[in-house]
Amino acid sequence: MSNPNKGLRTTNRQQIQELPWGMWVWECADGLILANENGDIMHVFCSDREPLRMQAAKKALTDAAYHYGYGDGGRAVFWSGKRPISDEELQSQLDRASAGLIPDPLDIGAIREEMEGIRHERQTRN
């Protein structure tokens, strides 16, 4: 089977970061993310606008991974724009989604898209 993207190149590509936070997670040597038996991911939440705190958060996660015996071959990975949520917040997001609302009230990208859609709809009606 041939690669459909063969010969295509993307130039001048930039990642646009919409949210000023994220979380450090531990990726084990086998590529899996470190979590407990309930699926709760070991993480450290932080703002990427504060480099010193971000470094401290990464070090704390790395130290914890080594303490629990998962350090060899693993590495800390930053998930930009991600944040941990509680079980109650998850249920609230599921309820919002079933009501037709944006599930996460802090999802700035989705809110912008919805506002653009409303603006476009108003312009086409006029």
C-alpha atoms as a PDB file:
ATOM      1  CA  MET A   1       0.000   0.000   0.000  1.00  0.00           C
ATOM      2  CA  SER A   2       1.416   3.375  -0.939  1.00  0.00           C
ATOM      3  CA  ASN A   3       1.555   6.389   1.297  1.00  0.00           C
ATOM      4  CA  PRO A   4      -1.095   8.955   0.198  1.00  0.00           C
ATOM      5  CA  ASN A   5       1.029  11.804   1.616  1.00  0.00           C
ATOM      6  CA  LYS A   6       4.169  10.793  -0.215  1.00  0.00           C
ATOM      7  CA  GLY A   7       5.866  13.790  -1.756  1.00  0.00           C
ATOM      8  CA  LEU A   8       3.776  16.376   0.145  1.00  0.00           C
ATOM      9  CA  ARG A   9       5.555  18.784   2.427  1.00  0.00           C
ATOM     10  CA  THR A  10       4.297  21.320   4.903  1.00  0.00           C
ATOM     11  CA  THR A  11       6.367  24.476   5.195  1.00  0.00           C
ATOM     12  CA  ASN A  12       6.118  27.469   7.511  1.00  0.00           C
ATOM     13  CA  ARG A  13       3.922  25.512   9.903  1.00  0.00           C
ATOM     14  CA  GLN A  14       3.387  26.938  13.376  1.00  0.00           C
ATOM     15  CA  GLN A  15       1.591  25.580  16.394  1.00  0.00           C
ATOM     16  CA  ILE A  16      -0.808  28.127  17.807  1.00  0.00           C
ATOM     17  CA  GLN A  17      -1.307  27.822  21.507  1.00  0.00           C
ATOM     18  CA  GLU A  18      -4.723  29.041  22.607  1.00  0.00           C
ATOM     19  CA  LEU A  19      -4.576  28.215  26.309  1.00  0.00           C
ATOM     20  CA  PRO A  20      -1.945  29.333  28.828  1.00  0.00           C
ATOM     21  CA  TRP A  21      -1.863  26.044  30.738  1.00  0.00           C
ATOM     22  CA  GLY A  22      -1.123  22.402  30.395  1.00  0.00           C
ATOM     23  CA  MET A  23       0.062  19.422  32.348  1.00  0.00           C
ATOM     24  CA  TRP A  24       3.159  17.316  32.595  1.00  0.00           C
ATOM     25  CA  VAL A  25       2.545  13.579  32.297  1.00  0.00           C
ATOM     26  CA  TRP A  26       4.966  10.656  32.417  1.00  0.00           C
ATOM     27  CA  GLU A  27       5.377   8.630  29.234  1.00  0.00           C
ATOM     28  CA  CYS A  28       6.864   5.211  29.990  1.00  0.00           C
ATOM     29  CA  ALA A  29       9.454   3.546  27.765  1.00  0.00           C
ATOM     30  CA  ASP A  30       6.688   1.509  26.064  1.00  0.00           C
ATOM     31  CA  GLY A  31       4.829   4.703  25.075  1.00  0.00           C
ATOM     32  CA  LEU A  32       2.034   4.339  27.633  1.00  0.00           C
ATOM     33  CA  ILE A  33       1.115   7.200  29.953  1.00  0.00           C
ATOM     34  CA  LEU A  34       1.610   6.408  33.641  1.00  0.00           C
ATOM     35  CA  ALA A  35      -1.733   6.028  35.452  1.00  0.00           C
ATOM     36  CA  ASN A  36      -3.159   4.088  38.382  1.00  0.00           C
ATOM     37  CA  GLU A  37      -5.580   1.159  38.202  1.00  0.00           C
ATOM     38  CA  ASN A  38      -8.531   3.587  37.984  1.00  0.00           C
ATOM     39  CA  GLY A  39      -7.052   5.286  34.931  1.00  0.00           C
ATOM     40  CA  ASP A  40      -6.116   8.458  36.817  1.00  0.00           C
ATOM     41  CA  ILE A  41      -3.050   9.871  35.091  1.00  0.00           C
ATOM     42  CA  MET A  42      -0.046  10.912  37.159  1.00  0.00           C
ATOM     43  CA  HIS A  43       0.361  14.565  36.242  1.00  0.00           C
ATOM     44  CA  VAL A  44       1.426  18.019  37.368  1.00  0.00           C
ATOM     45  CA  PHE A  45      -0.769  20.894  36.176  1.00  0.00           C
ATOM     46  CA  CYS A  46       0.959  24.222  35.480  1.00  0.00           C
ATOM     47  CA  SER A  47       0.954  27.396  33.427  1.00  0.00           C
ATOM     48  CA  ASP A  48       3.338  27.529  30.503  1.00  0.00           C
ATOM     49  CA  ARG A  49       3.694  31.287  31.003  1.00  0.00           C
ATOM     50  CA  GLU A  50       5.906  30.734  34.055  1.00  0.00           C
ATOM     51  CA  PRO A  51       9.104  28.947  32.937  1.00  0.00           C
ATOM     52  CA  LEU A  52      10.583  28.486  36.423  1.00  0.00           C
ATOM     53  CA  ARG A  53       7.430  26.909  37.798  1.00  0.00           C
ATOM     54  CA  MET A  54       7.141  24.805  34.679  1.00  0.00           C
ATOM     55  CA  GLN A  55      10.685  23.476  35.225  1.00  0.00           C
ATOM     56  CA  ALA A  56       9.876  22.767  38.882  1.00  0.00           C
ATOM     57  CA  ALA A  57       6.697  20.911  37.871  1.00  0.00           C
ATOM     58  CA  LYS A  58       8.633  18.788  35.366  1.00  0.00           C
ATOM     59  CA  LYS A  59      11.267  17.979  37.986  1.00  0.00           C
ATOM     60  CA  ALA A  60       8.591  17.029  40.547  1.00  0.00           C
ATOM     61  CA  LEU A  61       6.952  14.670  38.055  1.00  0.00           C
ATOM     62  CA  THR A  62      10.309  13.144  37.070  1.00  0.00           C
ATOM     63  CA  ASP A  63      11.261  12.636  40.728  1.00  0.00           C
ATOM     64  CA  ALA A  64       7.899  10.946  41.412  1.00  0.00           C
ATOM     65  CA  ALA A  65       8.253   8.651  38.399  1.00  0.00           C
ATOM     66  CA  TYR A  66      11.724   7.557  39.535  1.00  0.00           C
ATOM     67  CA  HIS A  67      10.478   7.148  43.125  1.00  0.00           C
ATOM     68  CA  TYR A  68       7.758   4.733  41.965  1.00  0.00           C
ATOM     69  CA  GLY A  69      10.176   2.839  39.705  1.00  0.00           C
ATOM     70  CA  TYR A  70       9.021   4.123  36.295  1.00  0.00           C
ATOM     71  CA  GLY A  71      11.882   6.485  35.509  1.00  0.00           C
ATOM     72  CA  ASP A  72      14.145   4.262  33.420  1.00  0.00           C
ATOM     73  CA  GLY A  73      13.496   4.878  29.734  1.00  0.00           C
ATOM     74  CA  GLY A  74      10.535   7.165  30.386  1.00  0.00           C
ATOM     75  CA  ARG A  75      10.234  10.892  29.960  1.00  0.00           C
ATOM     76  CA  ALA A  76       8.112  13.842  31.032  1.00  0.00           C
ATOM     77  CA  VAL A  77       5.799  15.102  28.280  1.00  0.00           C
ATOM     78  CA  PHE A  78       3.930  18.420  28.339  1.00  0.00           C
ATOM     79  CA  TRP A  79       0.319  18.285  27.155  1.00  0.00           C
ATOM     80  CA  SER A  80      -0.403  21.868  26.172  1.00  0.00           C
ATOM     81  CA  GLY A  81      -3.939  23.100  26.724  1.00  0.00           C
ATOM     82  CA  LYS A  82      -4.950  20.051  28.771  1.00  0.00           C
ATOM     83  CA  ARG A  83      -6.151  20.180  32.329  1.00  0.00           C
ATOM     84  CA  PRO A  84      -7.276  17.625  34.870  1.00  0.00           C
ATOM     85  CA  ILE A  85     -10.954  17.475  35.742  1.00  0.00           C
ATOM     86  CA  SER A  86     -12.797  15.838  38.609  1.00  0.00           C
ATOM     87  CA  ASP A  87     -15.492  13.197  38.241  1.00  0.00           C
ATOM     88  CA  GLU A  88     -18.120  15.850  39.024  1.00  0.00           C
ATOM     89  CA  GLU A  89     -16.782  18.144  36.307  1.00  0.00           C
ATOM     90  CA  LEU A  90     -16.775  15.262  33.833  1.00  0.00           C
ATOM     91  CA  GLN A  91     -20.438  14.604  34.601  1.00  0.00           C
ATOM     92  CA  SER A  92     -21.183  18.309  34.213  1.00  0.00           C
ATOM     93  CA  GLN A  93     -19.449  18.331  30.814  1.00  0.00           C
ATOM     94  CA  LEU A  94     -21.419  15.271  29.707  1.00  0.00           C
ATOM     95  CA  ASP A  95     -24.646  16.993  30.779  1.00  0.00           C
ATOM     96  CA  ARG A  96     -23.679  20.158  28.897  1.00  0.00           C
ATOM     97  CA  ALA A  97     -22.874  18.141  25.765  1.00  0.00           C
ATOM     98  CA  SER A  98     -26.205  16.333  25.872  1.00  0.00           C
ATOM     99  CA  ALA A  99     -27.945  19.717  26.212  1.00  0.00           C
ATOM    100  CA  GLY A 100     -26.218  20.928  23.025  1.00  0.00           C
ATOM    101  CA  LEU A 101     -23.797  23.250  24.792  1.00  0.00           C
ATOM    102  CA  ILE A 102     -20.013  23.360  24.587  1.00  0.00           C
ATOM    103  CA  PRO A 103     -19.041  20.682  27.104  1.00  0.00           C
ATOM    104  CA  ASP A 104     -16.091  22.531  28.637  1.00  0.00           C
ATOM    105  CA  PRO A 105     -16.864  26.138  29.552  1.00  0.00           C
ATOM    106  CA  LEU A 106     -13.098  26.819  29.444  1.00  0.00           C
ATOM    107  CA  ASP A 107     -12.648  25.539  25.858  1.00  0.00           C
ATOM    108  CA  ILE A 108     -11.705  28.868  24.324  1.00  0.00           C
ATOM    109  CA  GLY A 109     -11.266  27.453  20.817  1.00  0.00           C
ATOM    110  CA  ALA A 110     -14.757  25.959  20.746  1.00  0.00           C
ATOM    111  CA  ILE A 111     -16.275  29.154  22.134  1.00  0.00           C
ATOM    112  CA  ARG A 112     -14.552  31.218  19.435  1.00  0.00           C
ATOM    113  CA  GLU A 113     -15.813  28.864  16.714  1.00  0.00           C
ATOM    114  CA  GLU A 114     -19.353  29.082  18.064  1.00  0.00           C
ATOM    115  CA  MET A 115     -19.182  32.888  18.151  1.00  0.00           C
ATOM    116  CA  GLU A 116     -17.843  32.980  14.567  1.00  0.00           C
ATOM    117  CA  GLY A 117     -20.689  30.685  13.476  1.00  0.00           C
ATOM    118  CA  ILE A 118     -23.274  32.946  15.097  1.00  0.00           C
ATOM    119  CA  ARG A 119     -21.666  36.038  13.553  1.00  0.00           C
ATOM    120  CA  HIS A 120     -21.610  34.392  10.108  1.00  0.00           C
ATOM    121  CA  GLU A 121     -25.247  33.299  10.468  1.00  0.00           C
ATOM    122  CA  ARG A 122     -26.317  36.859  11.335  1.00  0.00           C
ATOM    123  CA  GLN A 123     -24.422  38.267   8.354  1.00  0.00           C
ATOM    124  CA  THR A 124     -26.015  35.825   5.919  1.00  0.00           C
ATOM    125  CA  ARG A 125     -29.514  36.658   7.203  1.00  0.00           C
ATOM    126  CA  ASN A 126     -29.017  40.393   6.620  1.00  0.00           C
END
